[in-house]
Every structure is written in C-alpha cells, then in structure tokens.
Amino acid sequence: MAQVKFDPAAKNLVIEVHLEGKFAQNAYFVLDPGATYTIIPWRLAQSLGLKIDPQKTAKIITASSVETTPLTNIPKVSVLGKTAKNV
C-alpha cells in the first residue's frame, strides 16, 4: 500500500500524478477525496492530446460558483502505485 507523507498543517495535499493520453506527462494535483470529477488545466489537456468535445459538458460546483466545463477522458492515470483507465 502506498503512503504519502504530508504536513497536517498544510492547506492542501499535493501529489504527483502520471497522465497518459496521446502523449504522457507528470503533473502535481491537489488531492480532494470528496471530488466527483478530476479537473485539469486546458494546457495540460492539450499537451496530453486529449479530444475535447465542447458539446459534452458538466456543471461543476466550485467554492465560489457553478461553472460549465467540457468533459473528456484521460486514458490512463497513475498515482501512488495504482493505475486507473478512462478517468
């Protein structure tokens, strides 16, 4: 089982994630165990070569508002020694 060392006084828990689409890249994510979706920056989606369909969207509740954002699939996500497909 993977373990993460973190500072209990820190505001966020940041973890390194390996993402694979048409291309692969590592990125740092803030871990939110209650999140329904994984949100990534446009630049990261583009660098992975992900297909973005502007007609396929979801309403995302943020801390300050409700945003409409396009949905896509990340073919492979690896974190803490575990891998998930079609995230």
N, C-alpha and C. Protein backbone atom coordinates (compact mmCIF):
# COMPACT_ATOMS: atom_id res chain seq x y z
N MET A 1 0.84 -1.18 0.00
CA MET A 1 0.00 0.00 0.00
C MET A 1 0.89 1.24 0.00
N ALA A 2 0.57 2.18 -0.89
CA ALA A 2 1.35 3.40 -0.99
C ALA A 2 1.06 4.32 0.18
N GLN A 3 2.07 5.04 0.58
CA GLN A 3 1.91 6.01 1.65
C GLN A 3 2.39 7.37 1.18
N VAL A 4 1.75 8.40 1.69
CA VAL A 4 2.12 9.77 1.36
C VAL A 4 2.42 10.49 2.65
N LYS A 5 3.59 11.12 2.72
CA LYS A 5 3.91 11.94 3.87
C LYS A 5 3.35 13.33 3.61
N PHE A 6 2.69 13.90 4.60
CA PHE A 6 2.15 15.24 4.42
C PHE A 6 2.19 15.99 5.73
N ASP A 7 2.14 17.29 5.60
CA ASP A 7 2.14 18.19 6.74
C ASP A 7 0.70 18.43 7.16
N PRO A 8 0.27 17.99 8.35
CA PRO A 8 -1.11 18.18 8.78
C PRO A 8 -1.53 19.64 8.87
N ALA A 9 -0.56 20.54 8.94
CA ALA A 9 -0.88 21.97 9.00
C ALA A 9 -1.04 22.58 7.60
N ALA A 10 -0.67 21.83 6.57
CA ALA A 10 -0.76 22.35 5.20
C ALA A 10 -2.22 22.49 4.78
N LYS A 11 -2.48 23.48 3.93
CA LYS A 11 -3.85 23.72 3.45
C LYS A 11 -4.27 22.70 2.41
N ASN A 12 -3.30 22.15 1.66
CA ASN A 12 -3.60 21.20 0.59
C ASN A 12 -2.66 20.01 0.64
N LEU A 13 -3.13 18.89 0.15
CA LEU A 13 -2.30 17.71 -0.02
C LEU A 13 -2.01 17.58 -1.51
N VAL A 14 -0.76 17.78 -1.89
CA VAL A 14 -0.36 17.76 -3.30
C VAL A 14 0.35 16.44 -3.59
N ILE A 15 -0.06 15.78 -4.69
CA ILE A 15 0.53 14.50 -5.07
C ILE A 15 0.96 14.54 -6.54
N GLU A 16 1.99 13.76 -6.87
CA GLU A 16 2.43 13.67 -8.25
C GLU A 16 1.61 12.60 -8.97
N VAL A 17 1.16 12.93 -10.17
CA VAL A 17 0.30 12.05 -10.95
C VAL A 17 0.91 11.88 -12.34
N HIS A 18 0.87 10.65 -12.86
CA HIS A 18 1.33 10.40 -14.23
C HIS A 18 0.08 10.22 -15.10
N LEU A 19 -0.02 11.02 -16.17
CA LEU A 19 -1.18 11.01 -17.05
C LEU A 19 -0.75 10.55 -18.43
N GLU A 20 -1.57 9.73 -19.07
CA GLU A 20 -1.28 9.28 -20.43
C GLU A 20 -2.50 9.46 -21.30
N GLY A 21 -2.29 10.16 -22.40
CA GLY A 21 -3.28 10.32 -23.45
C GLY A 21 -2.58 9.93 -24.73
N LYS A 22 -2.67 10.78 -25.75
CA LYS A 22 -1.87 10.58 -26.96
C LYS A 22 -0.40 10.75 -26.59
N PHE A 23 -0.13 11.62 -25.61
CA PHE A 23 1.20 11.85 -25.06
C PHE A 23 1.12 11.63 -23.55
N ALA A 24 2.26 11.53 -22.89
CA ALA A 24 2.30 11.31 -21.43
C ALA A 24 2.96 12.50 -20.75
N GLN A 25 2.56 12.72 -19.51
CA GLN A 25 3.13 13.83 -18.75
C GLN A 25 2.87 13.60 -17.26
N ASN A 26 3.81 14.05 -16.43
CA ASN A 26 3.59 14.08 -14.99
C ASN A 26 3.08 15.46 -14.60
N ALA A 27 2.25 15.50 -13.57
CA ALA A 27 1.71 16.77 -13.08
C ALA A 27 1.48 16.63 -11.58
N TYR A 28 1.35 17.75 -10.92
CA TYR A 28 1.04 17.76 -9.49
C TYR A 28 -0.41 18.16 -9.32
N PHE A 29 -1.14 17.36 -8.55
CA PHE A 29 -2.57 17.60 -8.31
C PHE A 29 -2.81 17.83 -6.83
N VAL A 30 -3.80 18.63 -6.53
CA VAL A 30 -4.29 18.76 -5.16
C VAL A 30 -5.29 17.64 -4.95
N LEU A 31 -5.10 16.84 -3.93
CA LEU A 31 -5.99 15.72 -3.65
C LEU A 31 -7.24 16.20 -2.94
N ASP A 32 -8.40 15.88 -3.52
CA ASP A 32 -9.69 16.19 -2.92
C ASP A 32 -10.49 14.90 -2.88
N PRO A 33 -10.48 14.18 -1.76
CA PRO A 33 -11.13 12.88 -1.70
C PRO A 33 -12.65 12.93 -1.88
N GLY A 34 -13.24 14.11 -1.79
CA GLY A 34 -14.68 14.24 -1.97
C GLY A 34 -15.09 14.69 -3.36
N ALA A 35 -14.12 14.87 -4.25
CA ALA A 35 -14.42 15.39 -5.59
C ALA A 35 -15.09 14.35 -6.46
N THR A 36 -16.05 14.79 -7.26
CA THR A 36 -16.73 13.92 -8.21
C THR A 36 -15.94 13.83 -9.51
N TYR A 37 -15.29 14.92 -9.88
CA TYR A 37 -14.54 14.99 -11.13
C TYR A 37 -13.09 15.33 -10.85
N THR A 38 -12.23 14.99 -11.83
CA THR A 38 -10.85 15.44 -11.81
C THR A 38 -10.77 16.59 -12.80
N ILE A 39 -10.33 17.74 -12.34
CA ILE A 39 -10.27 18.92 -13.19
C ILE A 39 -8.81 19.20 -13.52
N ILE A 40 -8.55 19.37 -14.82
CA ILE A 40 -7.19 19.67 -15.26
C ILE A 40 -7.20 20.95 -16.09
N PRO A 41 -6.08 21.65 -16.11
CA PRO A 41 -5.99 22.87 -16.92
C PRO A 41 -6.06 22.55 -18.42
N TRP A 42 -6.57 23.51 -19.21
CA TRP A 42 -6.63 23.36 -20.66
C TRP A 42 -5.27 23.00 -21.23
N ARG A 43 -4.24 23.69 -20.76
CA ARG A 43 -2.89 23.47 -21.28
C ARG A 43 -2.46 22.01 -21.10
N LEU A 44 -2.81 21.41 -19.96
CA LEU A 44 -2.46 20.02 -19.70
C LEU A 44 -3.25 19.10 -20.63
N ALA A 45 -4.54 19.36 -20.79
CA ALA A 45 -5.37 18.55 -21.70
C ALA A 45 -4.80 18.59 -23.11
N GLN A 46 -4.39 19.77 -23.55
CA GLN A 46 -3.82 19.92 -24.89
C GLN A 46 -2.49 19.19 -25.00
N SER A 47 -1.65 19.28 -23.97
CA SER A 47 -0.33 18.63 -24.03
C SER A 47 -0.45 17.10 -24.00
N LEU A 48 -1.55 16.59 -23.46
CA LEU A 48 -1.79 15.14 -23.46
C LEU A 48 -2.42 14.68 -24.78
N GLY A 49 -2.86 15.64 -25.60
CA GLY A 49 -3.50 15.31 -26.87
C GLY A 49 -4.92 14.80 -26.69
N LEU A 50 -5.61 15.24 -25.63
CA LEU A 50 -6.97 14.77 -25.37
C LEU A 50 -7.97 15.44 -26.31
N LYS A 51 -9.00 14.69 -26.69
CA LYS A 51 -10.06 15.24 -27.53
C LYS A 51 -11.05 15.96 -26.62
N ILE A 52 -11.37 17.20 -26.98
CA ILE A 52 -12.32 17.99 -26.21
C ILE A 52 -13.54 18.24 -27.09
N ASP A 53 -14.69 17.74 -26.66
CA ASP A 53 -15.95 17.96 -27.37
C ASP A 53 -16.71 19.06 -26.62
N PRO A 54 -16.80 20.27 -27.18
CA PRO A 54 -17.44 21.38 -26.47
C PRO A 54 -18.94 21.15 -26.23
N GLN A 55 -19.51 20.16 -26.90
CA GLN A 55 -20.94 19.85 -26.70
C GLN A 55 -21.17 18.94 -25.49
N LYS A 56 -20.13 18.26 -25.05
CA LYS A 56 -20.23 17.34 -23.91
C LYS A 56 -19.72 18.07 -22.67
N THR A 57 -20.65 18.53 -21.81
CA THR A 57 -20.26 19.37 -20.67
C THR A 57 -20.89 18.87 -19.38
N ALA A 58 -20.42 19.42 -18.28
CA ALA A 58 -20.97 19.16 -16.95
C ALA A 58 -20.94 20.45 -16.17
N LYS A 59 -21.88 20.59 -15.24
CA LYS A 59 -21.86 21.73 -14.33
C LYS A 59 -21.06 21.31 -13.10
N ILE A 60 -20.05 22.10 -12.78
CA ILE A 60 -19.14 21.82 -11.67
C ILE A 60 -19.37 22.88 -10.59
N ILE A 61 -19.59 22.43 -9.37
CA ILE A 61 -19.76 23.35 -8.25
C ILE A 61 -18.39 23.62 -7.65
N THR A 62 -17.99 24.88 -7.68
CA THR A 62 -16.72 25.29 -7.10
C THR A 62 -17.00 25.95 -5.75
N ALA A 63 -15.94 26.41 -5.10
CA ALA A 63 -16.11 27.09 -3.81
C ALA A 63 -16.88 28.39 -3.95
N SER A 64 -16.83 29.01 -5.14
CA SER A 64 -17.45 30.33 -5.28
C SER A 64 -18.57 30.41 -6.32
N SER A 65 -18.74 29.40 -7.16
CA SER A 65 -19.77 29.48 -8.19
C SER A 65 -20.04 28.11 -8.81
N VAL A 66 -20.90 28.10 -9.80
CA VAL A 66 -21.15 26.91 -10.61
C VAL A 66 -20.61 27.20 -12.00
N GLU A 67 -19.77 26.33 -12.50
CA GLU A 67 -19.13 26.52 -13.81
C GLU A 67 -19.56 25.39 -14.75
N THR A 68 -19.73 25.71 -16.02
CA THR A 68 -19.97 24.70 -17.04
C THR A 68 -18.64 24.45 -17.74
N THR A 69 -18.25 23.19 -17.79
CA THR A 69 -16.94 22.84 -18.35
C THR A 69 -17.06 21.61 -19.24
N PRO A 70 -16.23 21.51 -20.29
CA PRO A 70 -16.28 20.33 -21.14
C PRO A 70 -15.75 19.09 -20.41
N LEU A 71 -16.27 17.95 -20.80
CA LEU A 71 -15.82 16.67 -20.25
C LEU A 71 -14.94 15.96 -21.27
N THR A 72 -13.99 15.21 -20.78
CA THR A 72 -13.14 14.37 -21.62
C THR A 72 -12.70 13.18 -20.79
N ASN A 73 -12.06 12.21 -21.41
CA ASN A 73 -11.50 11.06 -20.71
C ASN A 73 -9.98 11.12 -20.79
N ILE A 74 -9.34 10.83 -19.69
CA ILE A 74 -7.89 10.65 -19.68
C ILE A 74 -7.69 9.13 -19.75
N PRO A 75 -7.07 8.62 -20.82
CA PRO A 75 -6.97 7.17 -20.99
C PRO A 75 -6.31 6.43 -19.84
N LYS A 76 -5.29 7.04 -19.21
CA LYS A 76 -4.58 6.33 -18.13
C LYS A 76 -4.05 7.33 -17.12
N VAL A 77 -4.35 7.08 -15.85
CA VAL A 77 -3.88 7.93 -14.75
C VAL A 77 -3.23 7.02 -13.71
N SER A 78 -2.00 7.33 -13.34
CA SER A 78 -1.29 6.55 -12.33
C SER A 78 -0.90 7.46 -11.17
N VAL A 79 -1.19 6.99 -9.96
CA VAL A 79 -0.86 7.75 -8.77
C VAL A 79 -0.64 6.79 -7.60
N LEU A 80 0.39 7.04 -6.84
CA LEU A 80 0.69 6.25 -5.63
C LEU A 80 0.74 4.74 -5.93
N GLY A 81 1.30 4.39 -7.09
CA GLY A 81 1.45 2.98 -7.43
C GLY A 81 0.22 2.30 -7.96
N LYS A 82 -0.85 3.02 -8.16
CA LYS A 82 -2.09 2.47 -8.71
C LYS A 82 -2.41 3.14 -10.03
N THR A 83 -3.05 2.41 -10.93
CA THR A 83 -3.40 2.95 -12.26
C THR A 83 -4.89 2.77 -12.49
N ALA A 84 -5.51 3.82 -13.06
CA ALA A 84 -6.92 3.76 -13.46
C ALA A 84 -7.00 4.13 -14.92
N LYS A 85 -7.95 3.54 -15.63
CA LYS A 85 -8.13 3.84 -17.06
C LYS A 85 -9.44 4.58 -17.26
N ASN A 86 -9.45 5.43 -18.28
CA ASN A 86 -10.63 6.20 -18.68
C ASN A 86 -11.18 7.05 -17.54
N VAL A 87 -10.30 7.84 -16.97
CA VAL A 87 -10.71 8.73 -15.88
C VAL A 87 -11.33 9.97 -16.48
